[in-house]
Amino acid sequence: MQGFNGVISPLFDTHCHLDAGEFDSDREAVIARAQAVGLGGLLIPAVHRSNFSVVRDMAHTMPIGAYAVGIHPLFVARSERADLKVLAEFLEQHRDDPRLVAVGEIGLDFFVESIREGVAREEQIHFYREQLALAQSFDLPVLLHVRRSQDELLKWLRRMPPIGGLAHAFNGSFQQAEQFIDLGFALGMGGALTFTRALQIRRLATELSLSDLVLETDAPDIGPSWLTKGQRNEPAEVAQIAACLAQLRGVSVDVVINQTAQATFNRLSKLAKIWPRPSVVI
């Protein structure tokens, strides 16, 4: 598999928590395995103010690295509203860094019963709205965390000028998917689509245009079907995820890799400052 040379566009993992403690013992080997299967780009999102600089430094230590900074909805409970000012200052300080390509991981997570209503829910919404505004102010797309919160996310997106970005690990309805796409988002397809029981995700993966899909692992989490329970997910698995998506759609792996890379570049425009934009392969 060739890299950013205009022949075959690269494999791109648009969501990998490479800074997670699970990788502390062998991070360099993990990166090497990913590059060995043809990975040409890796996007590392922050989740809390404590790892803004960590993901930045990590992205700068590897030729395939890019990063995003934001406060994850499940980290809102351990954050203060003053952290939003820290985020704004970080974005200002590094606004000319070509490897800073988005605000994220931000969004809403209403999966946990205690968060669906009350103060915790409202605080998530506050952080989400404020980070959307920061993304708008710094002219950056967003990486959205979407879990049982599609309609609420859409409501606030519609109240903003167009931002766009990537909706990570998307598992909403077909109609919700179309609404996110209409607002400038591509949908992240990862390990979940490799399970035969994931009927809704597989429907989205096969019926939506490839120009609206991107590849991701969410490593070390959301492992694909071929990993055993508890086995660590890695960015190298994105190669087989691409092959699974190609099989589901009845197209070549090269087509999937190229068109999802195009979708990635279309939503994360600063990537073109790091790597040549891939050519079109149909």
Protein backbone atom coordinates (compact mmCIF):
# COMPACT_ATOMS: atom_id res chain seq x y z
CA MET A 1 0.00 0.00 0.00
CA GLN A 2 1.45 3.33 -1.03
CA GLY A 3 1.35 6.53 0.96
CA PHE A 4 0.70 10.18 0.17
CA ASN A 5 2.03 9.96 -3.37
CA GLY A 6 -1.08 10.53 -5.47
CA VAL A 7 -1.37 6.87 -6.55
CA ILE A 8 -3.32 5.34 -3.70
CA SER A 9 -4.46 7.63 -0.93
CA PRO A 10 -3.43 6.68 2.60
CA LEU A 11 -5.14 4.91 5.36
CA PHE A 12 -6.18 7.48 7.96
CA ASP A 13 -7.23 6.76 11.54
CA THR A 14 -9.32 9.80 12.40
CA HIS A 15 -9.76 8.96 16.08
CA CYS A 16 -7.12 7.27 18.23
CA HIS A 17 -6.34 7.96 21.90
CA LEU A 18 -2.67 7.14 21.49
CA ASP A 19 -1.85 9.03 24.68
CA ALA A 20 -3.86 6.55 26.78
CA GLY A 21 -2.04 4.70 29.53
CA GLU A 22 -2.67 1.39 27.77
CA PHE A 23 0.04 2.36 25.27
CA ASP A 24 2.68 3.54 27.75
CA SER A 25 4.73 0.35 27.62
CA ASP A 26 5.05 0.01 23.84
CA ARG A 27 3.81 3.17 22.11
CA GLU A 28 6.63 3.26 19.57
CA ALA A 29 5.96 -0.36 18.59
CA VAL A 30 2.24 0.44 18.22
CA ILE A 31 3.06 3.29 15.83
CA ALA A 32 5.47 1.09 13.90
CA ARG A 33 2.82 -1.63 13.47
CA ALA A 34 0.35 0.96 12.22
CA GLN A 35 2.79 2.32 9.67
CA ALA A 36 3.66 -1.24 8.58
CA VAL A 37 0.05 -1.79 7.42
CA GLY A 38 0.08 1.49 5.50
CA LEU A 39 -1.27 4.00 7.99
CA GLY A 40 -0.50 7.44 6.62
CA GLY A 41 -2.31 9.67 9.12
CA LEU A 42 -3.35 9.49 12.76
CA LEU A 43 -5.52 12.01 14.63
CA ILE A 44 -5.16 12.12 18.42
CA PRO A 45 -7.95 13.98 20.30
CA ALA A 46 -7.60 15.39 23.79
CA VAL A 47 -10.30 14.80 26.41
CA HIS A 48 -9.29 17.11 29.30
CA ARG A 49 -7.10 20.14 29.93
CA SER A 50 -4.46 17.84 31.43
CA ASN A 51 -3.68 16.26 28.07
CA PHE A 52 -3.85 19.24 25.69
CA SER A 53 -0.06 19.54 25.59
CA VAL A 54 0.38 15.76 25.74
CA VAL A 55 -1.48 15.12 22.48
CA ARG A 56 0.23 18.07 20.83
CA ASP A 57 3.69 16.84 21.74
CA MET A 58 2.82 13.30 20.70
CA ALA A 59 1.53 14.37 17.29
CA HIS A 60 4.73 16.29 16.69
CA THR A 61 6.94 13.29 17.46
CA MET A 62 5.66 11.19 14.55
CA PRO A 63 5.46 11.90 10.81
CA ILE A 64 1.84 10.71 10.65
CA GLY A 65 0.51 12.68 13.62
CA ALA A 66 -2.20 15.34 13.92
CA TYR A 67 -4.19 16.37 17.00
CA ALA A 68 -7.29 18.08 18.35
CA VAL A 69 -7.97 19.65 21.74
CA GLY A 70 -11.21 19.77 23.66
CA ILE A 71 -13.05 18.62 26.77
CA HIS A 72 -14.84 15.28 26.41
CA PRO A 73 -18.41 15.16 27.77
CA LEU A 74 -17.52 12.36 30.20
CA PHE A 75 -14.69 14.55 31.54
CA VAL A 76 -16.97 17.51 32.21
CA ALA A 77 -17.63 16.21 35.72
CA ARG A 78 -13.92 16.49 36.53
CA SER A 79 -13.53 19.87 34.81
CA GLU A 80 -14.22 23.45 35.82
CA ARG A 81 -15.75 26.14 33.67
CA ALA A 82 -12.42 27.97 33.91
CA ASP A 83 -10.99 25.10 31.82
CA LEU A 84 -12.83 26.54 28.85
CA LYS A 85 -10.64 29.63 29.18
CA VAL A 86 -7.59 27.35 29.28
CA LEU A 87 -8.81 25.73 26.07
CA ALA A 88 -9.30 29.11 24.41
CA GLU A 89 -5.80 30.21 25.43
CA PHE A 90 -4.31 26.97 24.09
CA LEU A 91 -6.11 27.40 20.77
CA GLU A 92 -4.85 30.96 20.52
CA GLN A 93 -1.28 29.98 21.39
CA HIS A 94 -1.19 27.19 18.79
CA ARG A 95 -3.54 28.54 16.15
CA ASP A 96 -0.76 28.49 13.53
CA ASP A 97 0.23 24.89 14.29
CA PRO A 98 -0.65 22.92 11.13
CA ARG A 99 -1.05 19.73 13.15
CA LEU A 100 -3.85 21.23 15.25
CA VAL A 101 -6.73 20.37 12.94
CA ALA A 102 -9.91 20.42 15.08
CA VAL A 103 -11.58 21.10 18.42
CA GLY A 104 -12.31 17.82 20.11
CA GLU A 105 -13.23 15.45 21.46
CA ILE A 106 -16.37 17.34 22.43
CA GLY A 107 -20.05 16.51 22.41
CA LEU A 108 -22.71 14.92 24.60
CA ASP A 109 -23.06 11.50 26.21
CA PHE A 110 -26.45 10.62 27.65
CA PHE A 111 -25.83 6.88 27.85
CA VAL A 112 -25.35 6.96 31.62
CA GLU A 113 -28.73 7.28 33.34
CA SER A 114 -27.51 9.85 35.88
CA ILE A 115 -26.43 12.20 33.08
CA ARG A 116 -29.63 12.18 31.04
CA GLU A 117 -31.36 14.73 33.22
CA GLY A 118 -30.49 17.41 35.73
CA VAL A 119 -27.29 19.27 36.50
CA ALA A 120 -24.88 16.82 34.86
CA ARG A 121 -26.77 17.00 31.58
CA GLU A 122 -26.96 20.79 31.65
CA GLU A 123 -23.26 21.09 32.40
CA GLN A 124 -22.42 18.86 29.44
CA ILE A 125 -24.59 21.05 27.23
CA HIS A 126 -22.87 24.19 28.54
CA PHE A 127 -19.40 22.82 27.74
CA TYR A 128 -20.61 21.63 24.34
CA ARG A 129 -22.09 25.01 23.39
CA GLU A 130 -19.04 26.93 24.57
CA GLN A 131 -16.68 24.66 22.66
CA LEU A 132 -18.75 24.98 19.49
CA ALA A 133 -18.36 28.73 19.86
CA LEU A 134 -14.60 28.37 20.27
CA ALA A 135 -14.40 26.22 17.16
CA GLN A 136 -16.31 28.90 15.28
CA SER A 137 -14.04 31.62 16.64
CA PHE A 138 -10.85 29.79 15.60
CA ASP A 139 -12.29 28.57 12.29
CA LEU A 140 -11.80 24.91 13.17
CA PRO A 141 -14.06 21.89 12.64
CA VAL A 142 -15.05 19.69 15.59
CA LEU A 143 -14.69 16.05 16.56
CA LEU A 144 -18.04 15.07 18.03
CA HIS A 145 -18.69 12.41 20.67
CA VAL A 146 -22.19 11.13 19.92
CA ARG A 147 -23.87 8.70 22.33
CA ARG A 148 -27.65 8.75 22.76
CA SER A 149 -27.49 12.48 22.14
CA GLN A 150 -27.93 12.94 18.40
CA ASP A 151 -30.94 15.23 18.47
CA GLU A 152 -29.54 17.49 21.20
CA LEU A 153 -26.24 17.78 19.34
CA LEU A 154 -28.08 18.68 16.15
CA LYS A 155 -30.21 21.28 17.91
CA TRP A 156 -27.19 23.32 18.96
CA LEU A 157 -25.34 22.81 15.68
CA ARG A 158 -28.29 24.34 13.82
CA ARG A 159 -28.06 27.45 16.01
CA MET A 160 -24.47 28.06 14.94
CA PRO A 161 -22.96 29.12 11.63
CA PRO A 162 -21.71 26.02 9.77
CA ILE A 163 -18.80 24.32 11.57
CA GLY A 164 -18.60 20.77 10.22
CA GLY A 165 -16.18 18.06 11.22
CA LEU A 166 -16.37 14.40 12.15
CA ALA A 167 -19.08 12.60 14.13
CA HIS A 168 -17.10 9.91 15.93
CA ALA A 169 -18.45 6.35 16.33
CA PHE A 170 -21.80 7.34 14.84
CA ASN A 171 -24.71 5.03 15.67
CA GLY A 172 -27.82 7.09 15.06
CA SER A 173 -30.67 6.61 12.62
CA PHE A 174 -30.35 7.04 8.88
CA GLN A 175 -32.34 10.27 9.10
CA GLN A 176 -30.06 11.64 11.84
CA ALA A 177 -27.03 10.65 9.79
CA GLU A 178 -28.33 12.65 6.84
CA GLN A 179 -28.85 15.68 9.09
CA PHE A 180 -25.26 15.57 10.37
CA ILE A 181 -24.00 15.21 6.80
CA ASP A 182 -26.11 18.18 5.71
CA LEU A 183 -24.39 20.20 8.44
CA GLY A 184 -20.96 19.38 7.05
CA PHE A 185 -20.02 16.27 9.01
CA ALA A 186 -18.57 12.94 7.98
CA LEU A 187 -19.40 9.90 10.10
CA GLY A 188 -16.74 7.79 11.80
CA MET A 189 -16.76 4.08 10.99
CA GLY A 190 -14.70 1.84 13.25
CA GLY A 191 -14.62 -1.51 14.97
CA ALA A 192 -18.37 -1.62 15.62
CA LEU A 193 -19.16 -2.11 11.92
CA THR A 194 -17.20 -5.40 11.90
CA PHE A 195 -19.83 -7.11 14.07
CA THR A 196 -22.59 -8.85 12.12
CA ARG A 197 -25.14 -7.91 14.80
CA ALA A 198 -24.46 -4.17 14.29
CA LEU A 199 -27.27 -3.91 11.77
CA GLN A 200 -27.87 -0.15 11.99
CA ILE A 201 -24.19 0.77 11.69
CA ARG A 202 -23.80 -1.63 8.76
CA ARG A 203 -26.78 -0.07 7.05
CA LEU A 204 -25.19 3.35 7.39
CA ALA A 205 -21.84 1.99 6.24
CA THR A 206 -23.30 0.52 3.06
CA GLU A 207 -26.04 2.98 2.09
CA LEU A 208 -24.41 6.34 2.77
CA SER A 209 -21.96 7.77 0.27
CA LEU A 210 -18.31 6.93 0.91
CA SER A 211 -17.66 10.65 0.56
CA ASP A 212 -19.46 11.05 3.90
CA LEU A 213 -17.59 8.32 5.82
CA VAL A 214 -14.19 8.27 7.53
CA LEU A 215 -12.22 5.45 9.15
CA GLU A 216 -11.32 5.31 12.83
CA THR A 217 -10.32 2.90 15.60
CA ASP A 218 -10.95 4.80 18.87
CA ALA A 219 -8.01 2.73 20.12
CA PRO A 220 -7.54 1.45 22.75
CA ASP A 221 -11.36 1.13 22.92
CA ILE A 222 -14.12 -0.17 20.58
CA GLY A 223 -12.14 -3.14 19.32
CA PRO A 224 -13.20 -4.92 16.11
CA SER A 225 -14.79 -8.36 16.11
CA TRP A 226 -11.56 -10.30 15.62
CA LEU A 227 -10.07 -9.11 18.92
CA THR A 228 -10.87 -11.12 22.03
CA LYS A 229 -12.75 -9.50 24.90
CA GLY A 230 -10.40 -7.25 26.82
CA GLN A 231 -7.75 -7.28 24.10
CA ARG A 232 -6.32 -3.83 23.39
CA ASN A 233 -7.35 -2.13 20.17
CA GLU A 234 -4.59 -0.48 18.11
CA PRO A 235 -4.47 1.97 15.18
CA ALA A 236 -3.10 -0.83 12.95
CA GLU A 237 -6.56 -2.43 13.06
CA VAL A 238 -7.86 0.33 10.79
CA ALA A 239 -6.48 -1.62 7.79
CA GLN A 240 -8.83 -4.55 8.43
CA ILE A 241 -11.68 -2.16 9.24
CA ALA A 242 -11.18 -0.64 5.79
CA ALA A 243 -11.23 -4.15 4.29
CA CYS A 244 -14.46 -4.97 6.13
CA LEU A 245 -16.09 -1.77 4.86
CA ALA A 246 -14.96 -2.60 1.33
CA GLN A 247 -16.47 -6.08 1.58
CA LEU A 248 -19.76 -4.71 2.87
CA ARG A 249 -19.96 -2.24 -0.01
CA GLY A 250 -18.66 -4.59 -2.71
CA VAL A 251 -15.78 -2.32 -3.74
CA SER A 252 -12.00 -2.57 -3.57
CA VAL A 253 -10.07 -1.66 -0.44
CA ASP A 254 -8.22 0.99 -2.47
CA VAL A 255 -11.50 2.72 -3.25
CA VAL A 256 -12.50 2.73 0.42
CA ILE A 257 -9.11 4.04 1.55
CA ASN A 258 -9.02 6.74 -1.09
CA GLN A 259 -12.56 8.02 -0.72
CA THR A 260 -12.56 8.00 3.09
CA ALA A 261 -9.26 9.88 2.96
CA GLN A 262 -10.89 12.41 0.64
CA ALA A 263 -13.74 12.74 3.15
CA THR A 264 -11.22 13.29 5.93
CA PHE A 265 -9.39 16.03 4.03
CA ASN A 266 -12.68 17.66 3.04
CA ARG A 267 -13.72 18.03 6.70
CA LEU A 268 -10.29 18.70 8.22
CA SER A 269 -8.88 21.24 5.80
CA LYS A 270 -5.68 21.94 7.75
CA LEU A 271 -4.44 18.43 6.95
CA ALA A 272 -3.40 19.71 3.54
CA LYS A 273 -0.76 21.82 5.30
CA ILE A 274 0.89 18.65 6.60
CA TRP A 275 0.47 16.19 3.72
CA PRO A 276 -0.32 16.44 0.01
CA ARG A 277 -3.99 15.98 -0.64
CA PRO A 278 -4.73 12.47 -1.99
CA SER A 279 -5.78 12.04 -5.60
CA VAL A 280 -9.18 10.70 -6.57
CA VAL A 281 -9.49 6.98 -7.23
CA ILE A 282 -12.89 5.61 -8.22
